[in-house]
């Protein structure tokens, strides 16, 4: 509905004003159906030549300089006490997010404890993510994201993420390098150690479109300097992503083997409207957690540099996933 008569149409999807993928429709000459069918759209990382002209057009409803207050629920479980099945930690972590130019996002988060069985150090209101992140898209389907600030797992410093999608868009490679120090907020004081720890990973990914399942294999260096291999399998649904992982890590217990599961669930409402520059208050797009089946507490640990970076949001711009949602809607 609403497409120009007998003319092709391309929709380019942006994330924080950085182009991710495009949906392209080309009418078939002699087709008796007057409107486009969902299955007629081609979804790809290819933006087409029109993007060079389209990006110069003034946007009618840009997200630049507009504020979101996003509340991230956090749930953690661990099984280390013989007399208790699980120790539980539940927090509500509101964050202010704002973009000041294309691809840039500033995030400031506060952790508010709701229920705590993890110990005294988790009782106080404290700083969460405080980051400045810049994303760019380069030719040949190359995506870069640089982030500096305070992250989770008591880290601060900087990271650089790289992702390249091949011509066969089921395959991609990605990597991350981080240079961080320890960061801790105690008694209303932010305590940090010098930047001296290098972490990294390099891996390949394959997406199985028939089942919306992603597979990845990575070689990694973790926070204590140990190295390891990690395999992930994630099945993606409309409102959830569920995955399993396995690891082999130097110096870890169980001969270095560990594994578990993780999930991300979309939180309603699933659609939001923005009214001018009035700040929006909304829940995070997804709620998730991971379960460490081997209870390894020291080795194989890493961190995430961005509060909204998870397996579900990453998959939301996968062209095969978008195409399947068009066909199943």
C-alpha atoms as a PDB file:
ATOM      1  CA  UNK A   1       0.000   0.000   0.000  1.00  0.00           C
ATOM      2  CA  UNK A   2       1.195   3.487  -0.841  1.00  0.00           C
ATOM      3  CA  UNK A   3       4.024   2.419  -3.167  1.00  0.00           C
ATOM      4  CA  UNK A   4       4.614   4.427  -6.359  1.00  0.00           C
ATOM      5  CA  UNK A   5       2.811   2.764  -9.261  1.00  0.00           C
ATOM      6  CA  UNK A   6       5.098   0.496 -11.317  1.00  0.00           C
ATOM      7  CA  UNK A   7       8.230   1.868  -9.650  1.00  0.00           C
ATOM      8  CA  UNK A   8      10.803   0.092  -7.465  1.00  0.00           C
ATOM      9  CA  UNK A   9      11.050   1.067  -3.811  1.00  0.00           C
ATOM     10  CA  UNK A  10      13.895   0.719  -1.307  1.00  0.00           C
ATOM     11  CA  UNK A  11      13.568   1.151   2.463  1.00  0.00           C
ATOM     12  CA  UNK A  12      16.851   1.646   4.327  1.00  0.00           C
ATOM     13  CA  UNK A  13      16.825   0.746   8.017  1.00  0.00           C
ATOM     14  CA  UNK A  14      18.968   2.897  10.309  1.00  0.00           C
ATOM     15  CA  UNK A  15      20.230   2.247  13.828  1.00  0.00           C
ATOM     16  CA  UNK A  16      21.191   5.478  15.568  1.00  0.00           C
ATOM     17  CA  UNK A  17      21.319   7.039  12.073  1.00  0.00           C
ATOM     18  CA  UNK A  18      23.803   4.424  10.804  1.00  0.00           C
ATOM     19  CA  UNK A  19      22.468   2.337   7.852  1.00  0.00           C
ATOM     20  CA  UNK A  20      22.156  -1.382   8.610  1.00  0.00           C
ATOM     21  CA  UNK A  21      20.220  -3.039   5.769  1.00  0.00           C
ATOM     22  CA  UNK A  22      17.657  -2.371   3.068  1.00  0.00           C
ATOM     23  CA  UNK A  23      14.335  -3.790   1.903  1.00  0.00           C
ATOM     24  CA  UNK A  24      13.922  -3.603  -1.871  1.00  0.00           C
ATOM     25  CA  UNK A  25      10.789  -4.147  -3.967  1.00  0.00           C
ATOM     26  CA  UNK A  26      10.710  -4.206  -7.772  1.00  0.00           C
ATOM     27  CA  UNK A  27       7.320  -4.568  -9.443  1.00  0.00           C
ATOM     28  CA  UNK A  28       6.957  -7.390 -11.949  1.00  0.00           C
ATOM     29  CA  UNK A  29       5.870  -6.265 -15.412  1.00  0.00           C
ATOM     30  CA  UNK A  30       2.498  -7.769 -16.224  1.00  0.00           C
ATOM     31  CA  UNK A  31       1.718  -8.664 -12.603  1.00  0.00           C
ATOM     32  CA  UNK A  32      -2.033  -8.497 -12.107  1.00  0.00           C
ATOM     33  CA  UNK A  33      -1.705  -7.852  -8.353  1.00  0.00           C
ATOM     34  CA  UNK A  34      -1.776  -4.054  -7.813  1.00  0.00           C
ATOM     35  CA  UNK A  35       0.069  -4.008  -4.482  1.00  0.00           C
ATOM     36  CA  UNK A  36       3.312  -5.535  -3.298  1.00  0.00           C
ATOM     37  CA  UNK A  37       3.199  -8.804  -1.401  1.00  0.00           C
ATOM     38  CA  UNK A  38       5.409  -9.277   1.646  1.00  0.00           C
ATOM     39  CA  UNK A  39       7.310 -12.108  -0.016  1.00  0.00           C
ATOM     40  CA  UNK A  40       8.195  -9.789  -2.926  1.00  0.00           C
ATOM     41  CA  UNK A  41      10.600  -7.764  -0.770  1.00  0.00           C
ATOM     42  CA  UNK A  42      14.307  -8.566  -0.928  1.00  0.00           C
ATOM     43  CA  UNK A  43      16.173  -7.949   2.353  1.00  0.00           C
ATOM     44  CA  UNK A  44      19.928  -7.471   2.256  1.00  0.00           C
ATOM     45  CA  UNK A  45      22.901  -5.565   3.637  1.00  0.00           C
ATOM     46  CA  UNK A  46      23.219  -4.085   0.129  1.00  0.00           C
ATOM     47  CA  UNK A  47      22.031  -0.466   0.367  1.00  0.00           C
ATOM     48  CA  UNK A  48      21.946   0.182  -3.366  1.00  0.00           C
ATOM     49  CA  UNK A  49      23.196   3.291  -5.116  1.00  0.00           C
ATOM     50  CA  UNK A  50      20.255   5.409  -3.939  1.00  0.00           C
ATOM     51  CA  UNK A  51      21.652   5.683  -0.403  1.00  0.00           C
ATOM     52  CA  UNK A  52      24.254   8.240  -1.490  1.00  0.00           C
ATOM     53  CA  UNK A  53      21.444  10.595  -2.497  1.00  0.00           C
ATOM     54  CA  UNK A  54      18.987   9.659   0.249  1.00  0.00           C
ATOM     55  CA  UNK A  55      21.374  10.368   3.115  1.00  0.00           C
ATOM     56  CA  UNK A  56      21.580  14.033   2.059  1.00  0.00           C
ATOM     57  CA  UNK A  57      17.828  14.496   2.484  1.00  0.00           C
ATOM     58  CA  UNK A  58      16.740  16.156   5.731  1.00  0.00           C
ATOM     59  CA  UNK A  59      15.058  13.682   8.055  1.00  0.00           C
ATOM     60  CA  UNK A  60      11.540  14.467   9.246  1.00  0.00           C
ATOM     61  CA  UNK A  61      11.867  12.839  12.685  1.00  0.00           C
ATOM     62  CA  UNK A  62      15.536  12.409  13.570  1.00  0.00           C
ATOM     63  CA  UNK A  63      16.500  10.837  16.906  1.00  0.00           C
ATOM     64  CA  UNK A  64      19.432  13.244  17.367  1.00  0.00           C
ATOM     65  CA  UNK A  65      19.385  15.242  20.635  1.00  0.00           C
ATOM     66  CA  UNK A  66      16.356  13.300  21.925  1.00  0.00           C
ATOM     67  CA  UNK A  67      16.472  11.622  25.326  1.00  0.00           C
ATOM     68  CA  UNK A  68      15.327   8.147  26.375  1.00  0.00           C
ATOM     69  CA  UNK A  69      15.124   6.970  29.993  1.00  0.00           C
ATOM     70  CA  UNK A  70      15.405   3.183  29.658  1.00  0.00           C
ATOM     71  CA  UNK A  71      14.888   0.869  32.650  1.00  0.00           C
ATOM     72  CA  UNK A  72      16.950  -2.340  32.417  1.00  0.00           C
ATOM     73  CA  UNK A  73      15.885  -5.193  34.740  1.00  0.00           C
ATOM     74  CA  UNK A  74      18.795  -7.387  35.898  1.00  0.00           C
ATOM     75  CA  UNK A  75      18.458 -10.902  37.322  1.00  0.00           C
ATOM     76  CA  UNK A  76      21.372 -13.105  38.394  1.00  0.00           C
ATOM     77  CA  UNK A  77      21.509 -16.576  39.950  1.00  0.00           C
ATOM     78  CA  UNK A  78      24.358 -18.620  41.400  1.00  0.00           C
ATOM     79  CA  UNK A  79      24.516 -21.971  43.132  1.00  0.00           C
ATOM     80  CA  UNK A  80      27.493 -21.958  45.515  1.00  0.00           C
ATOM     81  CA  UNK A  81      25.886 -22.534  48.943  1.00  0.00           C
ATOM     82  CA  UNK A  82      25.056 -26.130  49.898  1.00  0.00           C
ATOM     83  CA  UNK A  83      22.105 -25.158  52.122  1.00  0.00           C
ATOM     84  CA  UNK A  84      20.485 -22.923  49.497  1.00  0.00           C
ATOM     85  CA  UNK A  85      19.362 -23.884  46.002  1.00  0.00           C
ATOM     86  CA  UNK A  86      20.141 -20.483  44.455  1.00  0.00           C
ATOM     87  CA  UNK A  87      21.362 -17.105  45.560  1.00  0.00           C
ATOM     88  CA  UNK A  88      19.370 -14.402  43.806  1.00  0.00           C
ATOM     89  CA  UNK A  89      20.175 -10.838  42.783  1.00  0.00           C
ATOM     90  CA  UNK A  90      17.567  -8.562  41.188  1.00  0.00           C
ATOM     91  CA  UNK A  91      18.164  -4.924  40.234  1.00  0.00           C
ATOM     92  CA  UNK A  92      16.368  -2.224  38.294  1.00  0.00           C
ATOM     93  CA  UNK A  93      18.886  -0.169  36.358  1.00  0.00           C
ATOM     94  CA  UNK A  94      17.546   3.033  34.741  1.00  0.00           C
ATOM     95  CA  UNK A  95      19.750   4.634  32.098  1.00  0.00           C
ATOM     96  CA  UNK A  96      19.686   7.931  30.245  1.00  0.00           C
ATOM     97  CA  UNK A  97      20.527   7.486  26.554  1.00  0.00           C
ATOM     98  CA  UNK A  98      21.039  10.306  24.055  1.00  0.00           C
ATOM     99  CA  UNK A  99      22.578  10.649  20.599  1.00  0.00           C
ATOM    100  CA  UNK A 100      24.368  13.871  19.667  1.00  0.00           C
ATOM    101  CA  UNK A 101      25.462  12.947  16.130  1.00  0.00           C
ATOM    102  CA  UNK A 102      25.199  10.065  13.677  1.00  0.00           C
ATOM    103  CA  UNK A 103      26.314   6.778  15.214  1.00  0.00           C
ATOM    104  CA  UNK A 104      27.144   8.247  18.613  1.00  0.00           C
ATOM    105  CA  UNK A 105      25.361   7.380  21.854  1.00  0.00           C
ATOM    106  CA  UNK A 106      25.962   8.601  25.412  1.00  0.00           C
ATOM    107  CA  UNK A 107      24.723   6.333  28.210  1.00  0.00           C
ATOM    108  CA  UNK A 108      24.616   6.973  31.960  1.00  0.00           C
ATOM    109  CA  UNK A 109      23.153   4.265  34.205  1.00  0.00           C
ATOM    110  CA  UNK A 110      22.351   3.814  37.907  1.00  0.00           C
ATOM    111  CA  UNK A 111      22.009   0.368  39.558  1.00  0.00           C
ATOM    112  CA  UNK A 112      19.174   0.205  42.120  1.00  0.00           C
ATOM    113  CA  UNK A 113      19.134  -3.017  44.218  1.00  0.00           C
ATOM    114  CA  UNK A 114      15.709  -4.581  44.728  1.00  0.00           C
ATOM    115  CA  UNK A 115      16.540  -8.039  46.126  1.00  0.00           C
ATOM    116  CA  UNK A 116      20.058  -9.088  47.099  1.00  0.00           C
ATOM    117  CA  UNK A 117      21.521 -12.382  48.340  1.00  0.00           C
ATOM    118  CA  UNK A 118      24.931 -11.786  46.769  1.00  0.00           C
ATOM    119  CA  UNK A 119      26.541  -9.891  49.659  1.00  0.00           C
ATOM    120  CA  UNK A 120      27.152  -6.479  51.191  1.00  0.00           C
ATOM    121  CA  UNK A 121      28.952  -5.020  48.163  1.00  0.00           C
ATOM    122  CA  UNK A 122      25.751  -5.364  46.112  1.00  0.00           C
ATOM    123  CA  UNK A 123      23.501  -3.495  48.570  1.00  0.00           C
ATOM    124  CA  UNK A 124      24.162   0.140  47.715  1.00  0.00           C
ATOM    125  CA  UNK A 125      22.860   2.246  44.857  1.00  0.00           C
ATOM    126  CA  UNK A 126      25.795   2.567  42.480  1.00  0.00           C
ATOM    127  CA  UNK A 127      26.976   3.530  39.035  1.00  0.00           C
ATOM    128  CA  UNK A 128      26.321   1.176  36.122  1.00  0.00           C
ATOM    129  CA  UNK A 129      27.312   1.790  32.515  1.00  0.00           C
ATOM    130  CA  UNK A 130      28.743   5.239  31.789  1.00  0.00           C
ATOM    131  CA  UNK A 131      29.809   5.138  28.150  1.00  0.00           C
ATOM    132  CA  UNK A 132      30.398   7.044  24.943  1.00  0.00           C
ATOM    133  CA  UNK A 133      30.008   4.854  21.865  1.00  0.00           C
ATOM    134  CA  UNK A 134      30.590   5.644  18.186  1.00  0.00           C
ATOM    135  CA  UNK A 135      29.473   3.365  15.338  1.00  0.00           C
ATOM    136  CA  UNK A 136      30.269   3.697  11.634  1.00  0.00           C
ATOM    137  CA  UNK A 137      29.606   1.675   8.520  1.00  0.00           C
ATOM    138  CA  UNK A 138      32.375   1.372   5.944  1.00  0.00           C
ATOM    139  CA  UNK A 139      32.297  -0.053   2.405  1.00  0.00           C
ATOM    140  CA  UNK A 140      32.161  -3.815   1.836  1.00  0.00           C
ATOM    141  CA  UNK A 141      29.736  -4.439   4.720  1.00  0.00           C
ATOM    142  CA  UNK A 142      32.252  -3.507   7.396  1.00  0.00           C
ATOM    143  CA  UNK A 143      30.847  -2.259  10.723  1.00  0.00           C
ATOM    144  CA  UNK A 144      33.008  -0.608  13.423  1.00  0.00           C
ATOM    145  CA  UNK A 145      32.045   0.436  16.965  1.00  0.00           C
ATOM    146  CA  UNK A 146      34.406   2.138  19.442  1.00  0.00           C
ATOM    147  CA  UNK A 147      33.344   2.522  23.090  1.00  0.00           C
ATOM    148  CA  UNK A 148      34.971   4.200  26.091  1.00  0.00           C
ATOM    149  CA  UNK A 149      33.754   4.450  29.673  1.00  0.00           C
ATOM    150  CA  UNK A 150      32.705   2.236  32.586  1.00  0.00           C
ATOM    151  CA  UNK A 151      31.332  -1.199  31.675  1.00  0.00           C
ATOM    152  CA  UNK A 152      29.885  -4.172  33.520  1.00  0.00           C
ATOM    153  CA  UNK A 153      31.905  -6.762  35.476  1.00  0.00           C
ATOM    154  CA  UNK A 154      33.852  -3.927  37.166  1.00  0.00           C
ATOM    155  CA  UNK A 155      35.759  -2.795  34.059  1.00  0.00           C
ATOM    156  CA  UNK A 156      36.576   0.607  32.602  1.00  0.00           C
ATOM    157  CA  UNK A 157      38.555   1.610  29.528  1.00  0.00           C
ATOM    158  CA  UNK A 158      37.977   1.242  25.815  1.00  0.00           C
ATOM    159  CA  UNK A 159      36.971  -1.355  23.226  1.00  0.00           C
ATOM    160  CA  UNK A 160      36.845  -1.633  19.450  1.00  0.00           C
ATOM    161  CA  UNK A 161      34.362  -3.991  17.739  1.00  0.00           C
ATOM    162  CA  UNK A 162      34.655  -5.043  14.090  1.00  0.00           C
ATOM    163  CA  UNK A 163      32.190  -7.048  12.004  1.00  0.00           C
ATOM    164  CA  UNK A 164      32.372  -7.988   8.334  1.00  0.00           C
ATOM    165  CA  UNK A 165      29.533  -9.654   6.431  1.00  0.00           C
ATOM    166  CA  UNK A 166      30.514 -11.689   3.363  1.00  0.00           C
ATOM    167  CA  UNK A 167      28.817 -11.683  -0.042  1.00  0.00           C
ATOM    168  CA  UNK A 168      26.975 -14.801   1.068  1.00  0.00           C
ATOM    169  CA  UNK A 169      25.283 -12.999   3.946  1.00  0.00           C
ATOM    170  CA  UNK A 170      24.854 -16.163   5.996  1.00  0.00           C
ATOM    171  CA  UNK A 171      28.561 -15.917   6.843  1.00  0.00           C
ATOM    172  CA  UNK A 172      30.369 -13.200   8.789  1.00  0.00           C
ATOM    173  CA  UNK A 173      33.451 -12.645  10.945  1.00  0.00           C
ATOM    174  CA  UNK A 174      33.727 -10.441  13.983  1.00  0.00           C
ATOM    175  CA  UNK A 175      36.258  -9.405  16.576  1.00  0.00           C
ATOM    176  CA  UNK A 176      36.746  -7.240  19.636  1.00  0.00           C
ATOM    177  CA  UNK A 177      39.788  -5.876  21.417  1.00  0.00           C
ATOM    178  CA  UNK A 178      39.596  -4.199  24.813  1.00  0.00           C
ATOM    179  CA  UNK A 179      42.080  -2.310  26.967  1.00  0.00           C
ATOM    180  CA  UNK A 180      40.680  -1.968  30.475  1.00  0.00           C
ATOM    181  CA  UNK A 181      41.318  -1.651  34.185  1.00  0.00           C
ATOM    182  CA  UNK A 182      39.281  -2.541  37.234  1.00  0.00           C
ATOM    183  CA  UNK A 183      36.431  -0.209  38.182  1.00  0.00           C
ATOM    184  CA  UNK A 184      34.399  -0.249  41.383  1.00  0.00           C
ATOM    185  CA  UNK A 185      31.913   2.160  42.967  1.00  0.00           C
ATOM    186  CA  UNK A 186      31.952   1.933  46.785  1.00  0.00           C
ATOM    187  CA  UNK A 187      30.660   4.328  49.465  1.00  0.00           C
ATOM    188  CA  UNK A 188      29.901   6.944  46.809  1.00  0.00           C
ATOM    189  CA  UNK A 189      33.443   6.859  45.475  1.00  0.00           C
ATOM    190  CA  UNK A 190      34.530   5.593  42.073  1.00  0.00           C
ATOM    191  CA  UNK A 191      37.759   3.595  42.418  1.00  0.00           C
ATOM    192  CA  UNK A 192      39.707   2.527  39.340  1.00  0.00           C
ATOM    193  CA  UNK A 193      42.962   0.752  38.610  1.00  0.00           C
ATOM    194  CA  UNK A 194      45.312   1.688  35.728  1.00  0.00           C
ATOM    195  CA  UNK A 195      44.514   0.448  32.246  1.00  0.00           C
ATOM    196  CA  UNK A 196      46.644  -2.654  31.771  1.00  0.00           C
ATOM    197  CA  UNK A 197      44.467  -5.622  30.815  1.00  0.00           C
ATOM    198  CA  UNK A 198      44.128  -6.580  27.134  1.00  0.00           C
ATOM    199  CA  UNK A 199      41.199  -8.795  26.179  1.00  0.00           C
ATOM    200  CA  UNK A 200      40.122  -9.883  22.706  1.00  0.00           C
ATOM    201  CA  UNK A 201      38.155 -12.335  20.663  1.00  0.00           C
ATOM    202  CA  UNK A 202      38.054 -13.341  16.996  1.00  0.00           C
ATOM    203  CA  UNK A 203      35.417 -15.578  15.507  1.00  0.00           C
ATOM    204  CA  UNK A 204      33.226 -16.629  12.632  1.00  0.00           C
ATOM    205  CA  UNK A 205      29.446 -16.826  12.392  1.00  0.00           C
ATOM    206  CA  UNK A 206      26.948 -18.798  10.326  1.00  0.00           C
ATOM    207  CA  UNK A 207      23.195 -18.151  10.148  1.00  0.00           C
ATOM    208  CA  UNK A 208      20.790 -21.002   9.273  1.00  0.00           C
ATOM    209  CA  UNK A 209      17.821 -19.164   7.725  1.00  0.00           C
ATOM    210  CA  UNK A 210      15.402 -22.118   7.679  1.00  0.00           C
ATOM    211  CA  UNK A 211      15.419 -22.242  11.487  1.00  0.00           C
ATOM    212  CA  UNK A 212      16.577 -18.700  12.321  1.00  0.00           C
ATOM    213  CA  UNK A 213      19.510 -20.205  14.189  1.00  0.00           C
ATOM    214  CA  UNK A 214      22.925 -18.599  14.545  1.00  0.00           C
ATOM    215  CA  UNK A 215      26.173 -20.480  15.188  1.00  0.00           C
ATOM    216  CA  UNK A 216      29.445 -18.879  16.243  1.00  0.00           C
ATOM    217  CA  UNK A 217      32.927 -20.109  17.114  1.00  0.00           C
ATOM    218  CA  UNK A 218      35.401 -17.773  18.822  1.00  0.00           C
ATOM    219  CA  UNK A 219      38.955 -17.784  20.109  1.00  0.00           C
ATOM    220  CA  UNK A 220      39.183 -15.470  23.145  1.00  0.00           C
ATOM    221  CA  UNK A 221      41.498 -13.997  25.756  1.00  0.00           C
ATOM    222  CA  UNK A 222      39.779 -13.263  29.071  1.00  0.00           C
ATOM    223  CA  UNK A 223      40.253 -10.930  32.029  1.00  0.00           C
ATOM    224  CA  UNK A 224      42.916 -12.982  33.823  1.00  0.00           C
ATOM    225  CA  UNK A 225      44.968 -13.415  30.654  1.00  0.00           C
ATOM    226  CA  UNK A 226      43.833 -16.990  30.044  1.00  0.00           C
ATOM    227  CA  UNK A 227      42.753 -18.067  26.562  1.00  0.00           C
ATOM    228  CA  UNK A 228      39.925 -20.280  25.427  1.00  0.00           C
ATOM    229  CA  UNK A 229      37.493 -21.375  22.741  1.00  0.00           C
ATOM    230  CA  UNK A 230      33.749 -20.732  22.857  1.00  0.00           C
ATOM    231  CA  UNK A 231      30.895 -22.128  20.768  1.00  0.00           C
ATOM    232  CA  UNK A 232      27.394 -20.582  20.737  1.00  0.00           C
ATOM    233  CA  UNK A 233      24.110 -21.684  19.168  1.00  0.00           C
ATOM    234  CA  UNK A 234      21.156 -19.265  19.322  1.00  0.00           C
ATOM    235  CA  UNK A 235      17.598 -19.857  18.050  1.00  0.00           C
ATOM    236  CA  UNK A 236      15.719 -16.633  17.321  1.00  0.00           C
ATOM    237  CA  UNK A 237      11.965 -16.191  17.590  1.00  0.00           C
ATOM    238  CA  UNK A 238       9.820 -13.068  17.189  1.00  0.00           C
ATOM    239  CA  UNK A 239       9.901 -12.096  20.864  1.00  0.00           C
ATOM    240  CA  UNK A 240      12.736 -14.220  22.240  1.00  0.00           C
ATOM    241  CA  UNK A 241      16.220 -15.573  21.564  1.00  0.00           C
ATOM    242  CA  UNK A 242      17.361 -18.737  23.350  1.00  0.00           C
ATOM    243  CA  UNK A 243      20.891 -20.106  23.167  1.00  0.00           C
ATOM    244  CA  UNK A 244      23.403 -22.593  24.529  1.00  0.00           C
ATOM    245  CA  UNK A 245      27.162 -22.241  24.816  1.00  0.00           C
ATOM    246  CA  UNK A 246      30.199 -24.388  25.525  1.00  0.00           C
ATOM    247  CA  UNK A 247      33.742 -23.337  26.478  1.00  0.00           C
ATOM    248  CA  UNK A 248      37.244 -24.761  26.899  1.00  0.00           C
ATOM    249  CA  UNK A 249      39.345 -22.352  28.997  1.00  0.00           C
ATOM    250  CA  UNK A 250      42.892 -22.471  30.326  1.00  0.00           C
ATOM    251  CA  UNK A 251      43.282 -23.008  34.107  1.00  0.00           C
ATOM    252  CA  UNK A 252      39.542 -23.463  34.725  1.00  0.00           C
ATOM    253  CA  UNK A 253      38.033 -26.279  36.758  1.00  0.00           C
ATOM    254  CA  UNK A 254      36.371 -29.354  35.222  1.00  0.00           C
ATOM    255  CA  UNK A 255      39.472 -29.722  33.004  1.00  0.00           C
ATOM    256  CA  UNK A 256      38.665 -26.347  31.493  1.00  0.00           C
ATOM    257  CA  UNK A 257      35.210 -27.293  30.237  1.00  0.00           C
ATOM    258  CA  UNK A 258      32.159 -25.190  30.984  1.00  0.00           C
ATOM    259  CA  UNK A 259      28.826 -24.318  29.402  1.00  0.00           C
ATOM    260  CA  UNK A 260      25.319 -23.114  30.011  1.00  0.00           C
ATOM    261  CA  UNK A 261      22.376 -21.377  28.444  1.00  0.00           C
ATOM    262  CA  UNK A 262      21.221 -17.809  27.943  1.00  0.00           C
ATOM    263  CA  UNK A 263      18.093 -16.077  26.750  1.00  0.00           C
ATOM    264  CA  UNK A 264      16.678 -12.686  25.812  1.00  0.00           C
ATOM    265  CA  UNK A 265      12.938 -11.948  25.965  1.00  0.00           C
ATOM    266  CA  UNK A 266      11.310  -8.891  24.385  1.00  0.00           C
ATOM    267  CA  UNK A 267       9.457  -6.695  26.873  1.00  0.00           C
ATOM    268  CA  UNK A 268       6.084  -5.149  26.020  1.00  0.00           C
ATOM    269  CA  UNK A 269       4.966  -2.772  24.730  1.00  0.00           C
ATOM    270  CA  UNK A 270       6.695  -3.637  21.463  1.00  0.00           C
ATOM    271  CA  UNK A 271       6.090  -0.277  19.748  1.00  0.00           C
ATOM    272  CA  UNK A 272       6.926   3.205  21.001  1.00  0.00           C
ATOM    273  CA  UNK A 273       6.068   6.681  19.811  1.00  0.00           C
ATOM    274  CA  UNK A 274       8.191   9.767  20.232  1.00  0.00           C
ATOM    275  CA  UNK A 275       6.549  13.163  20.664  1.00  0.00           C
ATOM    276  CA  UNK A 276       9.045  15.831  19.729  1.00  0.00           C
ATOM    277  CA  UNK A 277      11.800  16.345  22.286  1.00  0.00           C
ATOM    278  CA  UNK A 278       9.786  15.068  25.264  1.00  0.00           C
ATOM    279  CA  UNK A 279      11.936  12.346  26.948  1.00  0.00           C
ATOM    280  CA  UNK A 280      10.514   8.844  26.674  1.00  0.00           C
ATOM    281  CA  UNK A 281      10.433   6.558  29.728  1.00  0.00           C
ATOM    282  CA  UNK A 282      10.352   2.918  28.662  1.00  0.00           C
ATOM    283  CA  UNK A 283      11.559  -0.549  29.624  1.00  0.00           C
ATOM    284  CA  UNK A 284      14.568  -2.032  27.864  1.00  0.00           C
ATOM    285  CA  UNK A 285      13.856  -3.697  24.551  1.00  0.00           C
ATOM    286  CA  UNK A 286      14.899  -7.081  25.963  1.00  0.00           C
ATOM    287  CA  UNK A 287      15.357  -8.750  29.330  1.00  0.00           C
ATOM    288  CA  UNK A 288      17.846 -11.595  29.560  1.00  0.00           C
ATOM    289  CA  UNK A 289      20.302 -13.575  31.597  1.00  0.00           C
ATOM    290  CA  UNK A 290      22.861 -16.355  31.236  1.00  0.00           C
ATOM    291  CA  UNK A 291      23.367 -19.425  33.401  1.00  0.00           C
ATOM    292  CA  UNK A 292      26.841 -20.772  34.147  1.00  0.00           C
ATOM    293  CA  UNK A 293      26.278 -24.523  34.537  1.00  0.00           C
ATOM    294  CA  UNK A 294      29.850 -25.253  35.640  1.00  0.00           C
ATOM    295  CA  UNK A 295      29.847 -22.568  38.386  1.00  0.00           C
ATOM    296  CA  UNK A 296      33.286 -21.351  37.283  1.00  0.00           C
ATOM    297  CA  UNK A 297      33.826 -18.080  39.179  1.00  0.00           C
ATOM    298  CA  UNK A 298      37.248 -16.858  38.032  1.00  0.00           C
ATOM    299  CA  UNK A 299      38.347 -18.080  34.605  1.00  0.00           C
ATOM    300  CA  UNK A 300      36.660 -17.433  31.273  1.00  0.00           C
ATOM    301  CA  UNK A 301      35.150 -14.143  32.403  1.00  0.00           C
ATOM    302  CA  UNK A 302      34.695 -11.178  30.093  1.00  0.00           C
ATOM    303  CA  UNK A 303      32.583  -8.015  29.981  1.00  0.00           C
ATOM    304  CA  UNK A 304      30.157  -6.175  27.724  1.00  0.00           C
ATOM    305  CA  UNK A 305      30.978  -2.555  26.801  1.00  0.00           C
ATOM    306  CA  UNK A 306      27.413  -1.478  25.919  1.00  0.00           C
ATOM    307  CA  UNK A 307      24.261  -1.819  27.979  1.00  0.00           C
ATOM    308  CA  UNK A 308      21.969  -2.608  25.027  1.00  0.00           C
ATOM    309  CA  UNK A 309      24.328  -5.019  23.242  1.00  0.00           C
ATOM    310  CA  UNK A 310      22.975  -8.592  23.369  1.00  0.00           C
ATOM    311  CA  UNK A 311      22.263 -11.516  21.061  1.00  0.00           C
ATOM    312  CA  UNK A 312      18.659 -10.417  20.382  1.00  0.00           C
ATOM    313  CA  UNK A 313      19.413  -6.810  19.414  1.00  0.00           C
ATOM    314  CA  UNK A 314      22.290  -7.996  17.225  1.00  0.00           C
ATOM    315  CA  UNK A 315      19.951 -10.389  15.411  1.00  0.00           C
ATOM    316  CA  UNK A 316      17.245  -7.753  14.924  1.00  0.00           C
ATOM    317  CA  UNK A 317      19.166  -6.405  11.885  1.00  0.00           C
ATOM    318  CA  UNK A 318      19.788  -9.822  10.322  1.00  0.00           C
ATOM    319  CA  UNK A 319      18.278  -9.786   6.792  1.00  0.00           C
ATOM    320  CA  UNK A 320      17.251 -13.461   6.942  1.00  0.00           C
ATOM    321  CA  UNK A 321      15.435 -12.877  10.215  1.00  0.00           C
ATOM    322  CA  UNK A 322      13.663  -9.786   8.802  1.00  0.00           C
ATOM    323  CA  UNK A 323      12.617 -11.759   5.698  1.00  0.00           C
ATOM    324  CA  UNK A 324      11.190 -14.592   7.801  1.00  0.00           C
ATOM    325  CA  UNK A 325       9.157 -12.106   9.853  1.00  0.00           C
ATOM    326  CA  UNK A 326       7.737 -10.597   6.659  1.00  0.00           C
ATOM    327  CA  UNK A 327       6.628 -14.034   5.465  1.00  0.00           C
ATOM    328  CA  UNK A 328       5.172 -15.122   8.822  1.00  0.00           C
ATOM    329  CA  UNK A 329       3.391 -11.907   9.774  1.00  0.00           C
END
